[in-house]
Every structure is written in structure tokens, then in C-alpha cells.
Amino acid sequence: FPGLGASDFSTKPLRSFLDDRGYATYPWDLGR
């Protein structure tokens, strides 16, 4: 889940890291 005023773009580095570590990551997909 992203922070106030932010979108899934802000969590992309975090998701990329966890994807690389073998997790199945998902953005919240609800816009900003």
C-alpha cells in the first residue's frame, strides 16, 4: 500500500526488490 498522495509508482522499487527475493508482490491498484 502506498502513502498519502502517492500511487503504486512510489512502491515500484520496493516491489522489485521483493520480487527478486522470490515473493509474489501486488500493488494496491487503487490509484493515488
ModelCIF file with pLDDT and N, C-alpha, C, O atoms, coordinates in Angstrom:
data_MODEL
#
_entry.id   MODEL 
#
_entity.id                         1 
_entity.type                       polymer 
_entity.pdbx_number_of_molecules   1 
#
_entity_poly.entity_id                      1 
_entity_poly.type                           'polypeptide(L)' 
_entity_poly.nstd_linkage                   no 
_entity_poly.nstd_monomer                   no 
_entity_poly.pdbx_seq_one_letter_code       FPGLGASDFSTKPLRSFLDDRGYATYPWDLGR 
_entity_poly.pdbx_seq_one_letter_code_can   FPGLGASDFSTKPLRSFLDDRGYATYPWDLGR 
_entity_poly.pdbx_strand_id                 A 
#
loop_
_entity_poly_seq.entity_id 
_entity_poly_seq.num 
_entity_poly_seq.mon_id 
_entity_poly_seq.hetero 
1 1  PHE n 
1 2  PRO n 
1 3  GLY n 
1 4  LEU n 
1 5  GLY n 
1 6  ALA n 
1 7  SER n 
1 8  ASP n 
1 9  PHE n 
1 10 SER n 
1 11 THR n 
1 12 LYS n 
1 13 PRO n 
1 14 LEU n 
1 15 ARG n 
1 16 SER n 
1 17 PHE n 
1 18 LEU n 
1 19 ASP n 
1 20 ASP n 
1 21 ARG n 
1 22 GLY n 
1 23 TYR n 
1 24 ALA n 
1 25 THR n 
1 26 TYR n 
1 27 PRO n 
1 28 TRP n 
1 29 ASP n 
1 30 LEU n 
1 31 GLY n 
1 32 ARG n 
#
_struct_asym.id          A 
_struct_asym.entity_id   1 
#
loop_
_ma_qa_metric.id 
_ma_qa_metric.mode 
_ma_qa_metric.name 
_ma_qa_metric.software_group_id 
_ma_qa_metric.type 
1 global pLDDT . pLDDT 
2 local  pLDDT . pLDDT 
#
_ma_qa_metric_global.metric_id      1 
_ma_qa_metric_global.metric_value   96.31 
_ma_qa_metric_global.model_id       1 
_ma_qa_metric_global.ordinal_id     1 
#
loop_
_ma_qa_metric_local.label_asym_id 
_ma_qa_metric_local.label_comp_id 
_ma_qa_metric_local.label_seq_id 
_ma_qa_metric_local.metric_id 
_ma_qa_metric_local.metric_value 
_ma_qa_metric_local.model_id 
_ma_qa_metric_local.ordinal_id 
A PHE 1  2 98.00 1 1  
A PRO 2  2 97.00 1 2  
A GLY 3  2 95.00 1 3  
A LEU 4  2 93.00 1 4  
A GLY 5  2 93.00 1 5  
A ALA 6  2 95.00 1 6  
A SER 7  2 96.00 1 7  
A ASP 8  2 97.00 1 8  
A PHE 9  2 96.00 1 9  
A SER 10 2 95.00 1 10 
A THR 11 2 97.00 1 11 
A LYS 12 2 96.00 1 12 
A PRO 13 2 95.00 1 13 
A LEU 14 2 96.00 1 14 
A ARG 15 2 97.00 1 15 
A SER 16 2 96.00 1 16 
A PHE 17 2 96.00 1 17 
A LEU 18 2 97.00 1 18 
A ASP 19 2 97.00 1 19 
A ASP 20 2 96.00 1 20 
A ARG 21 2 96.00 1 21 
A GLY 22 2 96.00 1 22 
A TYR 23 2 98.00 1 23 
A ALA 24 2 98.00 1 24 
A THR 25 2 98.00 1 25 
A TYR 26 2 98.00 1 26 
A PRO 27 2 98.00 1 27 
A TRP 28 2 96.00 1 28 
A ASP 29 2 97.00 1 29 
A LEU 30 2 97.00 1 30 
A GLY 31 2 96.00 1 31 
A ARG 32 2 96.00 1 32 
#
loop_
_atom_site.group_PDB 
_atom_site.id 
_atom_site.type_symbol 
_atom_site.label_atom_id 
_atom_site.label_alt_id 
_atom_site.label_comp_id 
_atom_site.label_asym_id 
_atom_site.label_entity_id 
_atom_site.label_seq_id 
_atom_site.pdbx_PDB_ins_code 
_atom_site.Cartn_x 
_atom_site.Cartn_y 
_atom_site.Cartn_z 
_atom_site.occupancy 
_atom_site.B_iso_or_equiv 
_atom_site.pdbx_formal_charge 
_atom_site.auth_seq_id 
_atom_site.auth_comp_id 
_atom_site.auth_asym_id 
_atom_site.auth_atom_id 
_atom_site.pdbx_PDB_model_num 
ATOM 1   N N  . PHE A 1 1  ? 0.825  -1.192  0.000  1.00 98.00 ? 1  PHE A N  1 
ATOM 2   C CA . PHE A 1 1  ? 0.000  0.000   0.000  1.00 98.00 ? 1  PHE A CA 1 
ATOM 3   C C  . PHE A 1 1  ? 0.877  1.267   0.000  1.00 98.00 ? 1  PHE A C  1 
ATOM 4   O O  . PHE A 1 1  ? 1.786  1.377   0.823  1.00 98.00 ? 1  PHE A O  1 
ATOM 5   N N  . PRO A 1 2  ? 0.620  2.216   -0.903 1.00 97.00 ? 2  PRO A N  1 
ATOM 6   C CA . PRO A 1 2  ? 1.408  3.449   -0.959 1.00 97.00 ? 2  PRO A CA 1 
ATOM 7   C C  . PRO A 1 2  ? 0.980  4.450   0.115  1.00 97.00 ? 2  PRO A C  1 
ATOM 8   O O  . PRO A 1 2  ? -0.048 4.273   0.768  1.00 97.00 ? 2  PRO A O  1 
ATOM 9   N N  . GLY A 1 3  ? 1.775  5.496   0.288  1.00 95.00 ? 3  GLY A N  1 
ATOM 10  C CA . GLY A 1 3  ? 1.483  6.521   1.272  1.00 95.00 ? 3  GLY A CA 1 
ATOM 11  C C  . GLY A 1 3  ? 0.516  7.578   0.764  1.00 95.00 ? 3  GLY A C  1 
ATOM 12  O O  . GLY A 1 3  ? 0.048  7.514   -0.373 1.00 95.00 ? 3  GLY A O  1 
ATOM 13  N N  . LEU A 1 4  ? 0.225  8.540   1.610  1.00 93.00 ? 4  LEU A N  1 
ATOM 14  C CA . LEU A 1 4  ? -0.713 9.612   1.290  1.00 93.00 ? 4  LEU A CA 1 
ATOM 15  C C  . LEU A 1 4  ? -0.273 10.384  0.051  1.00 93.00 ? 4  LEU A C  1 
ATOM 16  O O  . LEU A 1 4  ? 0.861  10.854  -0.029 1.00 93.00 ? 4  LEU A O  1 
ATOM 17  N N  . GLY A 1 5  ? -1.173 10.508  -0.904 1.00 93.00 ? 5  GLY A N  1 
ATOM 18  C CA . GLY A 1 5  ? -0.904 11.240  -2.126 1.00 93.00 ? 5  GLY A CA 1 
ATOM 19  C C  . GLY A 1 5  ? -0.067 10.489  -3.138 1.00 93.00 ? 5  GLY A C  1 
ATOM 20  O O  . GLY A 1 5  ? 0.162  10.985  -4.241 1.00 93.00 ? 5  GLY A O  1 
ATOM 21  N N  . ALA A 1 6  ? 0.392  9.306   -2.784 1.00 95.00 ? 6  ALA A N  1 
ATOM 22  C CA . ALA A 1 6  ? 1.269  8.533   -3.670 1.00 95.00 ? 6  ALA A CA 1 
ATOM 23  C C  . ALA A 1 6  ? 0.487  7.446   -4.390 1.00 95.00 ? 6  ALA A C  1 
ATOM 24  O O  . ALA A 1 6  ? -0.619 7.078   -3.994 1.00 95.00 ? 6  ALA A O  1 
ATOM 25  N N  . SER A 1 7  ? 1.089  6.948   -5.455 1.00 96.00 ? 7  SER A N  1 
ATOM 26  C CA . SER A 1 7  ? 0.486  5.878   -6.250 1.00 96.00 ? 7  SER A CA 1 
ATOM 27  C C  . SER A 1 7  ? 1.370  4.635   -6.186 1.00 96.00 ? 7  SER A C  1 
ATOM 28  O O  . SER A 1 7  ? 2.366  4.611   -5.462 1.00 96.00 ? 7  SER A O  1 
ATOM 29  N N  . ASP A 1 8  ? 1.008  3.619   -6.933 1.00 97.00 ? 8  ASP A N  1 
ATOM 30  C CA . ASP A 1 8  ? 1.803  2.394   -6.973 1.00 97.00 ? 8  ASP A CA 1 
ATOM 31  C C  . ASP A 1 8  ? 3.198  2.624   -7.554 1.00 97.00 ? 8  ASP A C  1 
ATOM 32  O O  . ASP A 1 8  ? 4.103  1.820   -7.330 1.00 97.00 ? 8  ASP A O  1 
ATOM 33  N N  . PHE A 1 9  ? 3.375  3.707   -8.292 1.00 96.00 ? 9  PHE A N  1 
ATOM 34  C CA . PHE A 1 9  ? 4.693  4.016   -8.839 1.00 96.00 ? 9  PHE A CA 1 
ATOM 35  C C  . PHE A 1 9  ? 5.716  4.194   -7.718 1.00 96.00 ? 9  PHE A C  1 
ATOM 36  O O  . PHE A 1 9  ? 6.879  3.821   -7.874 1.00 96.00 ? 9  PHE A O  1 
ATOM 37  N N  . SER A 1 10 ? 5.284  4.766   -6.582 1.00 95.00 ? 10 SER A N  1 
ATOM 38  C CA . SER A 1 10 ? 6.202  5.021   -5.465 1.00 95.00 ? 10 SER A CA 1 
ATOM 39  C C  . SER A 1 10 ? 6.703  3.736   -4.821 1.00 95.00 ? 10 SER A C  1 
ATOM 40  O O  . SER A 1 10 ? 7.781  3.724   -4.228 1.00 95.00 ? 10 SER A O  1 
ATOM 41  N N  . THR A 1 11 ? 5.940  2.660   -4.928 1.00 97.00 ? 11 THR A N  1 
ATOM 42  C CA . THR A 1 11 ? 6.341  1.395   -4.303 1.00 97.00 ? 11 THR A CA 1 
ATOM 43  C C  . THR A 1 11 ? 7.000  0.433   -5.287 1.00 97.00 ? 11 THR A C  1 
ATOM 44  O O  . THR A 1 11 ? 7.283  -0.714  -4.940 1.00 97.00 ? 11 THR A O  1 
ATOM 45  N N  . LYS A 1 12 ? 7.244  0.893   -6.506 1.00 96.00 ? 12 LYS A N  1 
ATOM 46  C CA . LYS A 1 12 ? 7.843  0.017   -7.507 1.00 96.00 ? 12 LYS A CA 1 
ATOM 47  C C  . LYS A 1 12 ? 9.221  -0.498  -7.102 1.00 96.00 ? 12 LYS A C  1 
ATOM 48  O O  . LYS A 1 12 ? 9.480  -1.690  -7.268 1.00 96.00 ? 12 LYS A O  1 
ATOM 49  N N  . PRO A 1 13 ? 10.137 0.357   -6.568 1.00 95.00 ? 13 PRO A N  1 
ATOM 50  C CA . PRO A 1 13 ? 11.443 -0.168  -6.136 1.00 95.00 ? 13 PRO A CA 1 
ATOM 51  C C  . PRO A 1 13 ? 11.309 -1.239  -5.059 1.00 95.00 ? 13 PRO A C  1 
ATOM 52  O O  . PRO A 1 13 ? 12.027 -2.239  -5.071 1.00 95.00 ? 13 PRO A O  1 
ATOM 53  N N  . LEU A 1 14 ? 10.385 -1.019  -4.134 1.00 96.00 ? 14 LEU A N  1 
ATOM 54  C CA . LEU A 1 14 ? 10.176 -1.986  -3.059 1.00 96.00 ? 14 LEU A CA 1 
ATOM 55  C C  . LEU A 1 14 ? 9.638  -3.300  -3.616 1.00 96.00 ? 14 LEU A C  1 
ATOM 56  O O  . LEU A 1 14 ? 10.073 -4.379  -3.212 1.00 96.00 ? 14 LEU A O  1 
ATOM 57  N N  . ARG A 1 15 ? 8.692  -3.200  -4.544 1.00 97.00 ? 15 ARG A N  1 
ATOM 58  C CA . ARG A 1 15 ? 8.129  -4.414  -5.137 1.00 97.00 ? 15 ARG A CA 1 
ATOM 59  C C  . ARG A 1 15 ? 9.163  -5.151  -5.986 1.00 97.00 ? 15 ARG A C  1 
ATOM 60  O O  . ARG A 1 15 ? 9.191  -6.381  -6.007 1.00 97.00 ? 15 ARG A O  1 
ATOM 61  N N  . SER A 1 16 ? 10.000 -4.405  -6.679 1.00 96.00 ? 16 SER A N  1 
ATOM 62  C CA . SER A 1 16 ? 11.040 -5.042  -7.500 1.00 96.00 ? 16 SER A CA 1 
ATOM 63  C C  . SER A 1 16 ? 12.019 -5.811  -6.628 1.00 96.00 ? 16 SER A C  1 
ATOM 64  O O  . SER A 1 16 ? 12.446 -6.912  -6.976 1.00 96.00 ? 16 SER A O  1 
ATOM 65  N N  . PHE A 1 17 ? 12.371 -5.220  -5.488 1.00 96.00 ? 17 PHE A N  1 
ATOM 66  C CA . PHE A 1 17 ? 13.270 -5.900  -4.558 1.00 96.00 ? 17 PHE A CA 1 
ATOM 67  C C  . PHE A 1 17 ? 12.656 -7.197  -4.053 1.00 96.00 ? 17 PHE A C  1 
ATOM 68  O O  . PHE A 1 17 ? 13.315 -8.237  -4.041 1.00 96.00 ? 17 PHE A O  1 
ATOM 69  N N  . LEU A 1 18 ? 11.392 -7.139  -3.634 1.00 97.00 ? 18 LEU A N  1 
ATOM 70  C CA . LEU A 1 18 ? 10.745 -8.327  -3.093 1.00 97.00 ? 18 LEU A CA 1 
ATOM 71  C C  . LEU A 1 18 ? 10.473 -9.374  -4.174 1.00 97.00 ? 18 LEU A C  1 
ATOM 72  O O  . LEU A 1 18 ? 10.524 -10.574 -3.903 1.00 97.00 ? 18 LEU A O  1 
ATOM 73  N N  . ASP A 1 19 ? 10.188 -8.929  -5.386 1.00 97.00 ? 19 ASP A N  1 
ATOM 74  C CA . ASP A 1 19 ? 10.053 -9.880  -6.499 1.00 97.00 ? 19 ASP A CA 1 
ATOM 75  C C  . ASP A 1 19 ? 11.361 -10.647 -6.685 1.00 97.00 ? 19 ASP A C  1 
ATOM 76  O O  . ASP A 1 19 ? 11.363 -11.861 -6.889 1.00 97.00 ? 19 ASP A O  1 
ATOM 77  N N  . ASP A 1 20 ? 12.464 -9.917  -6.612 1.00 96.00 ? 20 ASP A N  1 
ATOM 78  C CA . ASP A 1 20 ? 13.774 -10.532 -6.776 1.00 96.00 ? 20 ASP A CA 1 
ATOM 79  C C  . ASP A 1 20 ? 14.077 -11.526 -5.661 1.00 96.00 ? 20 ASP A C  1 
ATOM 80  O O  . ASP A 1 20 ? 14.818 -12.488 -5.858 1.00 96.00 ? 20 ASP A O  1 
ATOM 81  N N  . ARG A 1 21 ? 13.497 -11.284 -4.490 1.00 96.00 ? 21 ARG A N  1 
ATOM 82  C CA . ARG A 1 21 ? 13.704 -12.179 -3.355 1.00 96.00 ? 21 ARG A CA 1 
ATOM 83  C C  . ARG A 1 21 ? 12.757 -13.372 -3.385 1.00 96.00 ? 21 ARG A C  1 
ATOM 84  O O  . ARG A 1 21 ? 12.777 -14.199 -2.474 1.00 96.00 ? 21 ARG A O  1 
ATOM 85  N N  . GLY A 1 22 ? 11.936 -13.471 -4.410 1.00 96.00 ? 22 GLY A N  1 
ATOM 86  C CA . GLY A 1 22 ? 11.108 -14.657 -4.565 1.00 96.00 ? 22 GLY A CA 1 
ATOM 87  C C  . GLY A 1 22 ? 9.675  -14.535 -4.117 1.00 96.00 ? 22 GLY A C  1 
ATOM 88  O O  . GLY A 1 22 ? 8.979  -15.546 -4.030 1.00 96.00 ? 22 GLY A O  1 
ATOM 89  N N  . TYR A 1 23 ? 9.199  -13.320 -3.824 1.00 98.00 ? 23 TYR A N  1 
ATOM 90  C CA . TYR A 1 23 ? 7.815  -13.140 -3.414 1.00 98.00 ? 23 TYR A CA 1 
ATOM 91  C C  . TYR A 1 23 ? 6.940  -12.775 -4.612 1.00 98.00 ? 23 TYR A C  1 
ATOM 92  O O  . TYR A 1 23 ? 7.436  -12.309 -5.638 1.00 98.00 ? 23 TYR A O  1 
ATOM 93  N N  . ALA A 1 24 ? 5.651  -12.989 -4.470 1.00 98.00 ? 24 ALA A N  1 
ATOM 94  C CA . ALA A 1 24 ? 4.689  -12.579 -5.493 1.00 98.00 ? 24 ALA A CA 1 
ATOM 95  C C  . ALA A 1 24 ? 4.061  -11.277 -5.013 1.00 98.00 ? 24 ALA A C  1 
ATOM 96  O O  . ALA A 1 24 ? 3.118  -11.294 -4.221 1.00 98.00 ? 24 ALA A O  1 
ATOM 97  N N  . THR A 1 25 ? 4.580  -10.148 -5.490 1.00 98.00 ? 25 THR A N  1 
ATOM 98  C CA . THR A 1 25 ? 4.116  -8.858  -4.987 1.00 98.00 ? 25 THR A CA 1 
ATOM 99  C C  . THR A 1 25 ? 2.982  -8.299  -5.832 1.00 98.00 ? 25 THR A C  1 
ATOM 100 O O  . THR A 1 25 ? 2.871  -8.572  -7.028 1.00 98.00 ? 25 THR A O  1 
ATOM 101 N N  . TYR A 1 26 ? 2.143  -7.506  -5.169 1.00 98.00 ? 26 TYR A N  1 
ATOM 102 C CA . TYR A 1 26 ? 0.998  -6.884  -5.823 1.00 98.00 ? 26 TYR A CA 1 
ATOM 103 C C  . TYR A 1 26 ? 0.856  -5.434  -5.364 1.00 98.00 ? 26 TYR A C  1 
ATOM 104 O O  . TYR A 1 26 ? 0.967  -5.149  -4.172 1.00 98.00 ? 26 TYR A O  1 
ATOM 105 N N  . PRO A 1 27 ? 0.611  -4.510  -6.308 1.00 98.00 ? 27 PRO A N  1 
ATOM 106 C CA . PRO A 1 27 ? 0.305  -3.130  -5.936 1.00 98.00 ? 27 PRO A CA 1 
ATOM 107 C C  . PRO A 1 27 ? -1.140 -3.069  -5.454 1.00 98.00 ? 27 PRO A C  1 
ATOM 108 O O  . PRO A 1 27 ? -1.920 -3.990  -5.700 1.00 98.00 ? 27 PRO A O  1 
ATOM 109 N N  . TRP A 1 28 ? -1.496 -1.990  -4.771 1.00 96.00 ? 28 TRP A N  1 
ATOM 110 C CA . TRP A 1 28 ? -2.878 -1.928  -4.288 1.00 96.00 ? 28 TRP A CA 1 
ATOM 111 C C  . TRP A 1 28 ? -3.857 -1.664  -5.430 1.00 96.00 ? 28 TRP A C  1 
ATOM 112 O O  . TRP A 1 28 ? -5.032 -2.019  -5.333 1.00 96.00 ? 28 TRP A O  1 
ATOM 113 N N  . ASP A 1 29 ? -3.379 -1.040  -6.520 1.00 97.00 ? 29 ASP A N  1 
ATOM 114 C CA . ASP A 1 29 ? -4.167 -0.900  -7.754 1.00 97.00 ? 29 ASP A CA 1 
ATOM 115 C C  . ASP A 1 29 ? -5.437 -0.070  -7.565 1.00 97.00 ? 29 ASP A C  1 
ATOM 116 O O  . ASP A 1 29 ? -6.474 -0.359  -8.161 1.00 97.00 ? 29 ASP A O  1 
ATOM 117 N N  . LEU A 1 30 ? -5.339 0.971   -6.722 1.00 97.00 ? 30 LEU A N  1 
ATOM 118 C CA . LEU A 1 30 ? -6.496 1.836   -6.473 1.00 97.00 ? 30 LEU A CA 1 
ATOM 119 C C  . LEU A 1 30 ? -6.167 3.304   -6.737 1.00 97.00 ? 30 LEU A C  1 
ATOM 120 O O  . LEU A 1 30 ? -6.778 4.201   -6.156 1.00 97.00 ? 30 LEU A O  1 
ATOM 121 N N  . GLY A 1 31 ? -5.198 3.538   -7.618 1.00 96.00 ? 31 GLY A N  1 
ATOM 122 C CA . GLY A 1 31 ? -4.841 4.915   -7.944 1.00 96.00 ? 31 GLY A CA 1 
ATOM 123 C C  . GLY A 1 31 ? -4.023 5.576   -6.844 1.00 96.00 ? 31 GLY A C  1 
ATOM 124 O O  . GLY A 1 31 ? -3.334 4.906   -6.074 1.00 96.00 ? 31 GLY A O  1 
ATOM 125 N N  . ARG A 1 32 ? -4.109 6.889   -6.783 1.00 96.00 ? 32 ARG A N  1 
ATOM 126 C CA . ARG A 1 32 ? -3.396 7.613   -5.724 1.00 96.00 ? 32 ARG A CA 1 
ATOM 127 C C  . ARG A 1 32 ? -4.122 7.437   -4.390 1.00 96.00 ? 32 ARG A C  1 
ATOM 128 O O  . ARG A 1 32 ? -3.680 7.969   -3.371 1.00 96.00 ? 32 ARG A O  1 
#
